[in-house]
Structure formats: C-alpha cells, structure tokens
Amino acid sequence: MTIYGDYLWLPSISEAGRGDSELGIWKLSTTERAASNNWWSRSGRYNYSYDVYYLNSSGSGASNTYVNNSYGIRPAIHLNLDKAAQSVAYSINATTNANSIVDKNSLKYDLNSNAEVTFTFTANPNYIINQIRLGSTTVSSIPTTTPSSFTNTGAFQYKVYRVNNSNSVNVILKSLTNNLNISCGTQQYIVATTENAAVTINSYSRANYFSTTATITVQQNTAYTQRFRLPSRNWIDISSTASGDGYIGDIYYNFTKENNIITVYFENLTVGSVFEVIFGGEEKPLSYTATGGTATFEEFIDDEGYTNVIVRPAAGYYVNTITVDNVAFSVEYYRAEIMGAGNARVIGYTVKDTNNVLDLWLVGQYDNSSIVFNLSTTRPTYKVPATGGAVTGTVVTASAGGEARIVGFDSSETADTDTLTFIAVSYSGYVFSGWEVDGQILSDYGASAAIPYSLVKDKVVTAVFTPKSNTSNNGDTDNPWGSDFV
C-alpha cells in the first residue's frame, strides 16, 4: 500500500512501476494522476480496449476515458481522501434576513463527529433576534446566559443564548446525524411610527434590547400641532412650548425643539421589551399668507398661551392691512387689540417702531382662521395709542412742573421684551426727577425712556418734576409738544 499526499493507491501486486518512462502493470498516467477531483478506479478488458472507470465527487460514474493495453491490466483504486471525507460529512447551512448577519454561511460536519461548532447571528441596530430556527425546531425563548446542558432533538444537540445582553446570539451544535439548515428571525426593539403628516421621523436609537433609554428625533410640519403617545396612552402635546418633560406611567420623557427639529428622550424603559412610540397631530386651525409682496413667518406659543405669528416682510415692504376671515383692518397703531376678530376671542398685533416686523397674536382661537397680510411699499403712519386703548390700561400723567406723553411702542421678536417709549418735558424752573410707578421711582430711566412694557402694563405712570430753586420763576407754558398727549 502506498500513500501519496492526499491520495491512497492500493495495487493488488507490488508491480506499480516507477516514473512515466517505465510502465508498471497498474501504473496511472501523468494525466490520470493529475485529475484530483475524481476518484479513479480501473479494470482492464482482455482485448484491444481497456476502459478507465471513474467515480466523481458527486457520486456518478462513467467509462469515457480510453486507455490502451499498456495502462489497464488488473483492478486498482486511486482515492482523493478529501473528496471522500466531504461526501460523508453533513452540511450545516445558515441564512439570515435583511436585518441580520451571520459569521459563516456554511460548515461541513464530519460523520459521527461529536465536536461542537458555533454560529453567531447578529441583528442590525434597532433590531433584536427573537427566534432561532434549527431545521423543524424553533427556539423563541432565548436566554441571556449559556445553557448548562445541550438540548437533544435526536437528529442533533444544541445550545442557543444571547451574547452579553447584546444584539448577537450564539448557536452551538453537536452530534449531527443529518444535514441541517439554521436561520434567525428579527424584530425591532424600538418602533417609531406616525399616524399622519404631523412629523417626519428622522432617527431613533436605543443602545440594545436591554437598554432603558431611547432617543427619537422628528421634523415637525408647522401646519400641524405635534404630539406623541405610547400605545393605549393619552396624547402628549409637544407643540405649545419649546421644551417640556413628564411621565407616562413609569416612563420619563423630555423634549426640546430647535429649528423645527423635535428631540424626545425617554428613560425607565422596560428591559428586554419592544418600546413603541406613535407620533401624530391635528391640523392647525390657523393658516396665513402674504399678498402684494413676500414675507417670512415664524409661529410660536408665548408664555401666556397666545399663538404668535411673526411677519418679516421683504426689504422695503410693510404690513398695511390684515384680513382675518375676509374682514380687513388697517395697521395704524403700535399695538392694537380687536375683540372677537375672526374665529378667536381676541386678535391683536404689535409693530416695531424701528423696522417693518409685525407680531400678530391670537387669544382663544376656537375654529379655523385664515389670515392674509397685505403688504405695500408705503409705511403706515403709526398713531400714538389712546389711554386704555391699544396700549392696554397704561396711563401717563405728570406732576406740577411739566408734561408727559407716550411716543412709541417697540415689540420684540420673542414677545417678552416689549418696550413703551415715554417723553417728559419740564416747564421753566423745573427739572425732571423720574418716572413713578406704584409709588416707586424708576431711577434708571431719563426724560426720554423706553421702559419695559411689563413694568407699566395696567399701571399709572407719572412723570415727576421738582423746582430748580425756591426763588425761580416757574412757568406752565413751556411744552413744545402740543396737546396730543395722554
């Protein structure tokens, strides 16, 4: 018996021949010896034809190779041991779905082997492997630690477990007695969906199936009021403020909004469970547009719960009239309130004293409203509001020795630093001493002062004058401003 590399050659006598130039009785040619993909067997026929019969690795046989009488005399066998071993090994084939991968797709398991082989399936981010299929056996309850013993199915034995509380699952096999197909099933462990066009989901993340926190970002559609809920829970409004937080059962949430991007963060999620969030919203009952020119808009809810629309006309344009549900009114004050305008209990506006920005605000809106801002290149001549009128409740008076008036209102773009501008004029022999509100002098403001509206709203503001000296000839006719003051 001669063993040559990966081949076993078994002649029935010792005359095997030496080299290509010396023909042995059972010698194979160089070409035949190079055919390593086949198992060669030969048997000679007595007369002119000697056929080489071969058995290939697929198990089929043929006798299509002609050999003359120099090469085929008596039976012999030429084996490829690798091919022989493979033909008696069992195949293990692993498949995945679009949301997972596996470390190897196939493996040959030696016949009658008791060796252990491992396949590792890993799910994509935001997915968890929820079951492993081993032939006709399905493992849907996957432990987080290695089982202490193998489960015997009769056709093979297995252990299935999660790897370190991660998105990977190990499958250990041994004692196979047949071919085996294995695969995994996956599901999302964080699910973010929308019920309508209120938001577009940008991203969502949770470290893994066992993480107790998650983050979701969405792009808001400003035509809707945004909200979210967990299944079977009430809706949480996230439209009214720029940030907020709270609890849904034991789950804590907080959200922030910036440039129409809403980020929602969750804590205290249940370990090893699917976390689902549903986003939605209602169409806003307010729509607005501009005619006669172009403008940009910004909408927000202020601290008092009023809906504010900031209108910024293009350079050289101004808001001249506002049409609310087909009823038009002129912009003629620095600040004005119109009771029962359109489908809101109160609608009002403020304009900047120094540029063309207008802030429209609505109180108690109860149905859809359509607002049109009519633009023009002509700037309105804003009037000084009357006492108790457009500048609600603010009254200006003066002590003996001078006069005072309101000359302008300046609205901030965030509606939280509006200012009212006052002018005080002293008579001859008197000097201005300060503005008095609720018995206190506002010492930081001079005779021409832009005072925060929040300090003087619904207040009586008094310009206080004092004599220059006891001997001065004090007059009462030195007011250059005329009589149109409050």
Protein backbone atom coordinates (compact mmCIF):
# COMPACT_ATOMS: atom_id res chain seq x y z
CA MET A 1 0.00 0.00 0.00
CA THR A 2 1.33 3.40 -0.95
CA ILE A 3 0.08 6.74 0.49
CA TYR A 4 0.91 9.77 -1.70
CA GLY A 5 -0.15 13.15 -0.30
CA ASP A 6 -3.91 13.22 -0.19
CA TYR A 7 -4.34 10.02 -2.20
CA LEU A 8 -4.44 6.35 -1.34
CA TRP A 9 -3.33 3.90 -4.05
CA LEU A 10 -4.00 0.25 -3.43
CA PRO A 11 -2.43 -2.10 -6.01
CA SER A 12 -3.12 -5.83 -5.80
CA ILE A 13 0.50 -6.68 -6.56
CA SER A 14 3.75 -4.85 -5.97
CA GLU A 15 4.47 -4.03 -9.56
CA ALA A 16 3.41 -0.40 -9.58
CA GLY A 17 6.03 0.94 -11.93
CA ARG A 18 8.50 3.76 -11.49
CA GLY A 19 8.14 7.09 -13.34
CA ASP A 20 6.46 7.85 -16.65
CA SER A 21 9.18 6.15 -18.70
CA GLU A 22 8.81 2.77 -17.01
CA LEU A 23 5.41 1.23 -17.36
CA GLY A 24 4.26 -0.70 -14.39
CA ILE A 25 1.42 -3.17 -14.54
CA TRP A 26 -1.04 -0.86 -12.76
CA LYS A 27 0.56 2.43 -13.43
CA LEU A 28 -1.60 5.60 -13.93
CA SER A 29 -0.52 8.16 -16.47
CA THR A 30 0.51 11.68 -15.52
CA THR A 31 -2.82 13.00 -16.79
CA GLU A 32 -4.75 10.49 -14.73
CA ARG A 33 -2.81 11.22 -11.59
CA ALA A 34 -3.44 14.98 -12.02
CA ALA A 35 -7.21 14.50 -12.10
CA SER A 36 -7.55 15.21 -8.35
CA ASN A 37 -11.25 15.99 -8.49
CA ASN A 38 -12.12 12.35 -9.20
CA TRP A 39 -11.77 9.01 -7.56
CA TRP A 40 -10.22 6.75 -10.15
CA SER A 41 -10.84 3.04 -10.44
CA ARG A 42 -9.76 0.93 -13.40
CA SER A 43 -10.37 -2.54 -14.72
CA GLY A 44 -8.85 -3.87 -17.92
CA ARG A 45 -10.62 -5.72 -20.72
CA TYR A 46 -8.90 -8.60 -22.43
CA ASN A 47 -8.62 -7.42 -25.97
CA TYR A 48 -7.99 -4.08 -27.68
CA SER A 49 -9.94 -1.67 -25.39
CA TYR A 50 -9.17 -1.03 -21.76
CA ASP A 51 -11.63 1.39 -20.11
CA VAL A 52 -10.91 3.57 -17.12
CA TYR A 53 -13.96 3.69 -14.93
CA TYR A 54 -14.16 6.60 -12.51
CA LEU A 55 -16.45 7.78 -9.71
CA ASN A 56 -16.53 11.56 -9.28
CA SER A 57 -17.27 13.55 -6.12
CA SER A 58 -20.98 13.88 -6.88
CA GLY A 59 -21.34 10.09 -6.82
CA SER A 60 -21.84 9.47 -10.52
CA GLY A 61 -19.67 7.13 -12.60
CA ALA A 62 -18.62 6.83 -16.22
CA SER A 63 -16.21 4.96 -18.51
CA ASN A 64 -15.48 7.54 -21.16
CA THR A 65 -11.71 7.52 -20.88
CA TYR A 66 -9.94 5.23 -23.37
CA VAL A 67 -6.77 3.50 -22.10
CA ASN A 68 -4.64 1.19 -24.17
CA ASN A 69 -3.32 -2.14 -23.02
CA SER A 70 -0.19 -0.58 -21.56
CA TYR A 71 -2.18 1.06 -18.75
CA GLY A 72 -5.08 -1.15 -17.79
CA ILE A 73 -4.39 -4.76 -16.82
CA ARG A 74 -5.80 -5.50 -13.40
CA PRO A 75 -8.09 -3.77 -10.86
CA ALA A 76 -6.74 -0.89 -8.77
CA ILE A 77 -8.17 2.16 -6.92
CA HIS A 78 -6.96 5.76 -6.72
CA LEU A 79 -8.73 7.78 -3.99
CA ASN A 80 -8.93 11.55 -3.24
CA LEU A 81 -9.34 11.37 0.53
CA ASP A 82 -10.57 14.98 0.89
CA LYS A 83 -13.41 14.33 -1.54
CA ALA A 84 -14.21 11.08 0.17
CA ALA A 85 -14.39 12.77 3.58
CA GLN A 86 -16.62 15.54 2.26
CA SER A 87 -19.05 13.13 0.71
CA VAL A 88 -19.74 11.54 4.06
CA ALA A 89 -19.93 14.85 6.09
CA TYR A 90 -23.19 16.65 6.94
CA SER A 91 -23.81 20.20 5.66
CA ILE A 92 -24.87 22.99 8.04
CA ASN A 93 -26.24 25.98 6.13
CA ALA A 94 -27.04 29.31 7.82
CA THR A 95 -29.32 32.01 6.35
CA THR A 96 -30.29 35.49 7.57
CA ASN A 97 -32.89 38.12 6.75
CA ALA A 98 -32.31 41.73 5.73
CA ASN A 99 -31.95 42.83 9.36
CA SER A 100 -29.20 40.42 10.47
CA ILE A 101 -25.85 38.83 9.57
CA VAL A 102 -24.10 35.57 10.50
CA ASP A 103 -20.39 34.88 10.97
CA LYS A 104 -20.36 31.94 8.49
CA ASN A 105 -22.87 30.74 5.94
CA SER A 106 -22.00 27.04 5.89
CA LEU A 107 -19.90 24.35 7.51
CA LYS A 108 -19.16 20.63 6.93
CA TYR A 109 -19.72 18.47 10.00
CA ASP A 110 -17.79 15.18 9.97
CA LEU A 111 -19.73 11.96 10.02
CA ASN A 112 -20.16 10.53 13.54
CA SER A 113 -18.29 13.54 14.98
CA ASN A 114 -19.21 14.78 18.43
CA ALA A 115 -17.37 18.10 18.03
CA GLU A 116 -19.05 21.39 18.92
CA VAL A 117 -19.48 24.06 16.21
CA THR A 118 -20.69 27.64 16.80
CA PHE A 119 -22.62 30.04 14.56
CA THR A 120 -23.08 33.66 15.72
CA PHE A 121 -26.07 35.63 14.41
CA THR A 122 -26.05 39.42 14.90
CA ALA A 123 -29.03 41.73 14.35
CA ASN A 124 -28.72 45.19 12.80
CA PRO A 125 -29.10 48.28 15.05
CA ASN A 126 -32.65 48.74 16.42
CA TYR A 127 -33.39 45.04 15.80
CA ILE A 128 -33.34 42.05 18.12
CA ILE A 129 -33.15 38.34 17.23
CA ASN A 130 -36.40 36.98 18.59
CA GLN A 131 -36.11 33.35 17.43
CA ILE A 132 -33.69 30.78 16.04
CA ARG A 133 -34.91 28.05 13.67
CA LEU A 134 -32.94 24.77 13.65
CA GLY A 135 -34.48 22.61 10.94
CA SER A 136 -38.01 21.97 12.24
CA THR A 137 -37.12 23.15 15.75
CA THR A 138 -37.84 26.79 16.73
CA VAL A 139 -36.24 28.43 19.77
CA SER A 140 -38.23 31.57 20.63
CA SER A 141 -37.30 31.95 24.30
CA ILE A 142 -33.60 32.83 24.09
CA PRO A 143 -31.77 33.00 27.45
CA THR A 144 -29.19 35.69 28.23
CA THR A 145 -26.69 33.18 29.66
CA THR A 146 -25.19 29.98 28.25
CA PRO A 147 -27.40 26.93 28.99
CA SER A 148 -25.70 24.42 31.31
CA SER A 149 -26.51 21.46 29.02
CA PHE A 150 -27.36 20.67 25.41
CA THR A 151 -30.92 20.07 24.23
CA ASN A 152 -31.17 16.79 22.30
CA THR A 153 -33.53 16.62 19.33
CA GLY A 154 -32.50 13.12 18.23
CA ALA A 155 -31.01 14.49 14.98
CA PHE A 156 -28.63 16.94 16.73
CA GLN A 157 -27.99 18.71 20.02
CA TYR A 158 -27.94 22.48 20.55
CA LYS A 159 -27.39 25.41 22.90
CA VAL A 160 -28.83 28.86 22.00
CA TYR A 161 -28.19 32.02 24.05
CA ARG A 162 -27.66 35.79 23.76
CA VAL A 163 -24.12 37.13 23.88
CA ASN A 164 -23.56 39.54 26.80
CA ASN A 165 -27.03 41.13 26.59
CA SER A 166 -26.29 42.33 23.05
CA ASN A 167 -27.88 42.03 19.61
CA SER A 168 -25.95 38.77 18.95
CA VAL A 169 -26.99 35.15 19.54
CA ASN A 170 -24.70 32.11 19.65
CA VAL A 171 -25.88 28.75 18.30
CA ILE A 172 -23.74 25.77 19.39
CA LEU A 173 -24.36 22.42 17.63
CA LYS A 174 -23.01 18.90 18.00
CA SER A 175 -23.84 15.23 17.27
CA LEU A 176 -25.43 15.87 13.88
CA THR A 177 -26.86 12.85 12.09
CA ASN A 178 -28.18 14.69 9.03
CA ASN A 179 -27.88 17.92 7.07
CA LEU A 180 -29.23 20.98 8.90
CA ASN A 181 -30.49 24.43 7.92
CA ILE A 182 -30.45 27.18 10.57
CA SER A 183 -31.77 30.75 10.42
CA CYS A 184 -32.88 33.61 12.66
CA GLY A 185 -35.91 35.84 12.95
CA THR A 186 -35.74 39.52 13.99
CA GLN A 187 -37.97 42.28 15.25
CA GLN A 188 -37.46 45.93 16.13
CA TYR A 189 -36.95 46.73 19.81
CA ILE A 190 -37.78 50.41 19.27
CA VAL A 191 -40.60 51.31 16.90
CA ALA A 192 -41.44 54.90 15.95
CA THR A 193 -44.46 55.43 13.69
CA THR A 194 -46.62 58.35 12.53
CA GLU A 195 -50.37 58.45 12.15
CA ASN A 196 -50.34 61.40 9.74
CA ALA A 197 -48.11 64.10 8.28
CA ALA A 198 -47.61 65.98 11.56
CA VAL A 199 -43.97 64.90 11.71
CA THR A 200 -41.36 63.06 9.66
CA ILE A 201 -39.25 60.67 11.73
CA ASN A 202 -35.57 61.44 11.22
CA SER A 203 -33.91 58.91 13.52
CA TYR A 204 -34.42 56.78 16.59
CA SER A 205 -31.96 54.85 18.69
CA ARG A 206 -31.75 52.53 21.66
CA ALA A 207 -28.40 51.01 22.60
CA ASN A 208 -29.79 47.46 22.55
CA TYR A 209 -32.73 45.31 23.58
CA PHE A 210 -31.80 45.72 27.23
CA SER A 211 -31.22 49.48 27.31
CA THR A 212 -33.53 51.59 29.50
CA THR A 213 -33.17 54.80 27.43
CA ALA A 214 -34.08 55.83 23.89
CA THR A 215 -33.93 58.98 21.76
CA ILE A 216 -36.12 59.92 18.79
CA THR A 217 -35.80 62.97 16.53
CA VAL A 218 -38.53 64.17 14.18
CA GLN A 219 -39.01 67.02 11.72
CA GLN A 220 -42.18 68.93 12.54
CA ASN A 221 -44.70 70.04 9.97
CA THR A 222 -45.72 73.53 11.09
CA ALA A 223 -49.19 73.08 9.60
CA TYR A 224 -49.93 70.70 12.50
CA THR A 225 -49.88 70.68 16.26
CA GLN A 226 -47.42 67.89 17.19
CA ARG A 227 -47.99 65.22 19.81
CA PHE A 228 -46.98 61.66 20.67
CA ARG A 229 -48.23 58.76 22.72
CA LEU A 230 -47.34 55.24 23.73
CA PRO A 231 -49.87 52.53 22.78
CA SER A 232 -53.02 52.71 24.92
CA ARG A 233 -51.90 56.03 26.48
CA ASN A 234 -53.17 59.57 26.07
CA TRP A 235 -51.56 62.00 23.67
CA ILE A 236 -48.79 64.31 24.91
CA ASP A 237 -48.80 67.76 23.28
CA ILE A 238 -45.34 68.95 22.19
CA SER A 239 -46.44 71.99 20.18
CA SER A 240 -47.16 74.61 22.79
CA THR A 241 -43.66 75.12 24.21
CA ALA A 242 -40.04 74.85 23.14
CA SER A 243 -39.34 72.17 25.76
CA GLY A 244 -41.07 70.07 28.37
CA ASP A 245 -40.99 66.85 30.35
CA GLY A 246 -43.18 64.47 32.35
CA TYR A 247 -44.08 60.84 32.97
CA ILE A 248 -46.15 58.28 31.12
CA GLY A 249 -46.66 55.67 33.79
CA ASP A 250 -43.12 54.93 34.97
CA ILE A 251 -41.50 56.14 31.75
CA TYR A 252 -39.93 59.59 31.97
CA TYR A 253 -39.74 61.79 28.87
CA ASN A 254 -38.43 65.22 27.95
CA PHE A 255 -38.45 67.04 24.63
CA THR A 256 -36.81 70.06 23.04
CA LYS A 257 -37.49 71.91 19.80
CA GLU A 258 -34.97 73.80 17.70
CA ASN A 259 -35.33 74.90 14.07
CA ASN A 260 -38.41 72.67 13.62
CA ILE A 261 -36.49 69.61 14.88
CA ILE A 262 -38.07 67.91 17.91
CA THR A 263 -35.92 65.60 20.03
CA VAL A 264 -37.69 63.34 22.52
CA TYR A 265 -35.71 61.43 25.15
CA PHE A 266 -37.09 58.55 27.23
CA GLU A 267 -35.90 56.87 30.44
CA ASN A 268 -37.01 53.89 32.56
CA LEU A 269 -37.87 51.65 29.62
CA THR A 270 -38.58 48.01 30.42
CA VAL A 271 -35.54 45.80 29.89
CA GLY A 272 -35.97 43.18 27.16
CA SER A 273 -39.15 44.57 25.59
CA VAL A 274 -40.20 46.39 22.45
CA PHE A 275 -40.66 50.15 23.01
CA GLU A 276 -43.19 51.78 20.68
CA VAL A 277 -43.92 55.49 20.16
CA ILE A 278 -46.64 56.89 17.92
CA PHE A 279 -46.40 60.46 16.62
CA GLY A 280 -49.32 62.41 15.24
CA GLY A 281 -51.08 65.73 15.40
CA GLU A 282 -54.02 67.83 14.36
CA GLU A 283 -54.08 70.31 11.55
CA LYS A 284 -53.74 73.77 12.97
CA PRO A 285 -56.85 75.93 12.81
CA LEU A 286 -54.64 78.83 11.64
CA SER A 287 -53.29 79.50 8.15
CA TYR A 288 -51.59 82.63 6.89
CA THR A 289 -50.10 84.06 3.73
CA ALA A 290 -48.89 87.38 2.27
CA THR A 291 -50.08 89.35 -0.76
CA GLY A 292 -48.58 92.37 -2.51
CA GLY A 293 -45.06 91.26 -1.62
CA THR A 294 -43.09 88.50 0.04
CA ALA A 295 -42.55 87.80 3.72
CA THR A 296 -41.25 85.11 6.02
CA PHE A 297 -43.18 83.78 9.00
CA GLU A 298 -42.39 82.34 12.41
CA GLU A 299 -45.02 80.83 14.69
CA PHE A 300 -44.72 80.14 18.41
CA ILE A 301 -46.74 79.97 21.62
CA ASP A 302 -45.79 82.60 24.21
CA ASP A 303 -45.76 82.22 27.99
CA GLU A 304 -49.37 83.36 28.24
CA GLY A 305 -50.51 80.69 25.80
CA TYR A 306 -51.12 83.11 22.91
CA THR A 307 -50.40 81.98 19.37
CA ASN A 308 -47.92 84.44 17.86
CA VAL A 309 -47.10 84.85 14.16
CA ILE A 310 -44.02 86.97 13.46
CA VAL A 311 -44.20 88.52 9.96
CA ARG A 312 -40.99 89.79 8.36
CA PRO A 313 -41.73 91.45 5.03
CA ALA A 314 -39.01 91.69 2.41
CA ALA A 315 -36.87 94.83 2.47
CA GLY A 316 -38.88 97.95 1.63
CA TYR A 317 -42.28 96.34 2.34
CA TYR A 318 -44.65 96.84 5.28
CA VAL A 319 -47.84 95.27 6.55
CA ASN A 320 -50.55 97.83 5.78
CA THR A 321 -53.71 95.80 6.32
CA ILE A 322 -54.58 92.42 7.82
CA THR A 323 -57.51 90.35 6.58
CA VAL A 324 -58.89 87.88 9.12
CA ASP A 325 -61.53 85.51 7.74
CA ASN A 326 -62.38 88.00 4.96
CA VAL A 327 -62.61 91.01 7.34
CA ALA A 328 -59.85 93.59 6.79
CA PHE A 329 -58.48 96.20 9.21
CA SER A 330 -55.66 98.69 8.84
CA VAL A 331 -52.40 98.60 10.76
CA GLU A 332 -52.34 102.07 12.32
CA TYR A 333 -51.19 101.65 15.91
CA TYR A 334 -48.03 100.40 17.53
CA ARG A 335 -50.20 97.93 19.36
CA ALA A 336 -53.87 97.11 18.94
CA GLU A 337 -56.47 94.62 20.14
CA ILE A 338 -59.58 93.76 18.15
CA MET A 339 -62.20 91.92 20.15
CA GLY A 340 -63.87 88.93 18.52
CA ALA A 341 -61.84 89.05 15.32
CA GLY A 342 -62.42 86.03 13.12
CA ASN A 343 -62.65 82.72 14.98
CA ALA A 344 -60.71 83.91 18.02
CA ARG A 345 -61.96 85.76 21.08
CA VAL A 346 -59.22 88.37 20.71
CA ILE A 347 -56.72 89.12 17.96
CA GLY A 348 -54.09 91.80 18.17
CA TYR A 349 -50.81 92.97 16.79
CA THR A 350 -47.70 94.93 17.67
CA VAL A 351 -45.23 96.54 15.28
CA LYS A 352 -41.63 97.57 15.76
CA ASP A 353 -41.06 101.27 15.97
CA THR A 354 -37.79 100.97 14.04
CA ASN A 355 -38.41 98.38 11.30
CA ASN A 356 -41.12 96.54 9.44
CA VAL A 357 -41.57 93.46 11.66
CA LEU A 358 -45.11 92.77 12.85
CA ASP A 359 -46.22 90.34 15.57
CA LEU A 360 -49.79 89.07 15.24
CA TRP A 361 -51.21 87.29 18.30
CA LEU A 362 -54.43 85.40 18.89
CA VAL A 363 -56.26 84.54 22.11
CA GLY A 364 -58.86 81.78 22.47
CA GLN A 365 -58.95 80.55 18.89
CA TYR A 366 -61.88 78.14 18.59
CA ASP A 367 -62.05 77.31 14.88
CA ASN A 368 -60.09 77.57 11.62
CA SER A 369 -58.86 81.04 10.76
CA SER A 370 -57.35 82.26 7.54
CA ILE A 371 -55.20 85.39 7.78
CA VAL A 372 -53.78 87.41 4.90
CA PHE A 373 -51.11 90.03 5.46
CA ASN A 374 -51.43 92.69 2.75
CA LEU A 375 -48.05 94.25 2.01
CA SER A 376 -47.14 97.58 0.48
CA THR A 377 -44.03 99.67 -0.06
CA THR A 378 -45.75 102.52 1.82
CA ARG A 379 -45.01 102.53 5.51
CA PRO A 380 -48.07 103.20 7.68
CA THR A 381 -48.08 106.27 9.90
CA TYR A 382 -48.45 104.61 13.29
CA LYS A 383 -50.60 106.52 15.76
CA VAL A 384 -49.90 107.03 19.43
CA PRO A 385 -52.46 104.82 21.17
CA ALA A 386 -55.14 106.37 23.28
CA THR A 387 -55.35 105.89 27.04
CA GLY A 388 -56.70 102.48 27.92
CA GLY A 389 -56.88 101.63 24.24
CA ALA A 390 -54.32 99.80 22.20
CA VAL A 391 -51.69 100.01 24.96
CA THR A 392 -53.97 98.27 27.36
CA GLY A 393 -54.50 100.07 30.66
CA THR A 394 -51.34 102.19 30.68
CA VAL A 395 -51.99 105.81 31.75
CA VAL A 396 -49.36 108.54 31.81
CA THR A 397 -49.67 111.65 33.96
CA ALA A 398 -47.33 114.39 35.16
CA SER A 399 -46.82 116.21 38.44
CA ALA A 400 -46.77 120.01 38.60
CA GLY A 401 -43.92 121.44 36.57
CA GLY A 402 -44.16 119.52 33.32
CA GLU A 403 -45.98 117.27 30.89
CA ALA A 404 -45.52 113.70 29.58
CA ARG A 405 -46.68 111.58 26.71
CA ILE A 406 -46.30 108.09 25.13
CA VAL A 407 -44.49 108.37 21.80
CA GLY A 408 -43.91 104.79 20.68
CA PHE A 409 -44.23 101.10 21.28
CA ASP A 410 -41.49 98.64 20.32
CA SER A 411 -42.32 94.93 20.13
CA SER A 412 -39.59 92.33 20.48
CA GLU A 413 -39.48 89.37 18.11
CA THR A 414 -39.96 86.98 21.01
CA ALA A 415 -42.79 88.97 22.60
CA ASP A 416 -41.08 89.02 26.00
CA THR A 417 -39.20 92.39 25.97
CA ASP A 418 -41.73 94.82 24.50
CA THR A 419 -40.99 98.44 25.40
CA LEU A 420 -43.14 101.58 25.69
CA THR A 421 -41.39 104.88 24.99
CA PHE A 422 -42.20 107.93 27.13
CA ILE A 423 -41.16 111.58 26.78
CA ALA A 424 -41.24 114.04 29.72
CA VAL A 425 -40.98 117.85 29.18
CA SER A 426 -40.36 120.17 32.12
CA TYR A 427 -41.61 123.74 32.45
CA SER A 428 -39.28 126.68 33.16
CA GLY A 429 -37.86 126.41 36.66
CA TYR A 430 -38.46 122.66 36.95
CA VAL A 431 -36.35 119.60 36.31
CA PHE A 432 -37.39 116.06 35.52
CA SER A 433 -36.79 113.76 38.52
CA GLY A 434 -38.00 110.36 37.27
CA TRP A 435 -40.92 108.10 36.39
CA GLU A 436 -43.08 106.97 39.27
CA VAL A 437 -44.99 103.66 39.16
CA ASP A 438 -46.97 102.36 42.15
CA GLY A 439 -45.28 104.94 44.38
CA GLN A 440 -41.75 103.91 43.36
CA ILE A 441 -39.40 105.96 41.22
CA LEU A 442 -37.88 104.10 38.25
CA SER A 443 -34.50 105.74 38.73
CA ASP A 444 -32.80 104.08 35.74
CA TYR A 445 -34.83 105.93 33.12
CA GLY A 446 -34.44 109.51 31.91
CA ALA A 447 -36.83 112.04 30.41
CA SER A 448 -36.84 110.08 27.13
CA ALA A 449 -37.16 106.43 28.16
CA ALA A 450 -38.01 103.08 26.59
CA ILE A 451 -39.46 101.24 29.61
CA PRO A 452 -40.28 97.51 29.51
CA TYR A 453 -43.97 97.17 28.88
CA SER A 454 -44.21 94.53 31.60
CA LEU A 455 -43.31 97.24 34.20
CA VAL A 456 -46.02 99.67 33.11
CA LYS A 457 -48.83 97.48 31.75
CA ASP A 458 -52.10 98.33 33.52
CA LYS A 459 -50.26 100.96 35.56
CA VAL A 460 -50.39 104.73 36.07
CA VAL A 461 -47.02 106.17 35.08
CA THR A 462 -46.29 109.62 36.49
CA ALA A 463 -43.53 111.96 35.31
CA VAL A 464 -42.21 113.67 38.44
CA PHE A 465 -40.82 117.22 38.29
CA THR A 466 -39.19 119.27 41.05
CA PRO A 467 -38.43 123.03 41.19
CA LYS A 468 -34.90 124.14 40.40
CA SER A 469 -34.93 126.54 43.42
CA ASN A 470 -37.42 128.23 45.71
CA THR A 471 -36.79 131.63 44.06
CA SER A 472 -37.17 130.54 40.45
CA ASN A 473 -39.98 131.93 38.39
CA ASN A 474 -41.67 128.70 37.48
CA GLY A 475 -43.90 128.66 34.41
CA ASP A 476 -46.56 126.39 32.98
CA THR A 477 -46.43 127.12 29.25
CA ASP A 478 -43.12 125.71 28.06
CA ASN A 479 -44.38 122.48 26.49
CA PRO A 480 -43.21 122.31 22.84
CA TRP A 481 -45.06 119.07 22.11
CA GLY A 482 -48.57 120.42 21.61
CA SER A 483 -51.68 118.98 23.23
CA ASP A 484 -51.98 115.44 21.80
CA PHE A 485 -50.58 113.64 24.84
CA VAL A 486 -52.13 111.23 27.28
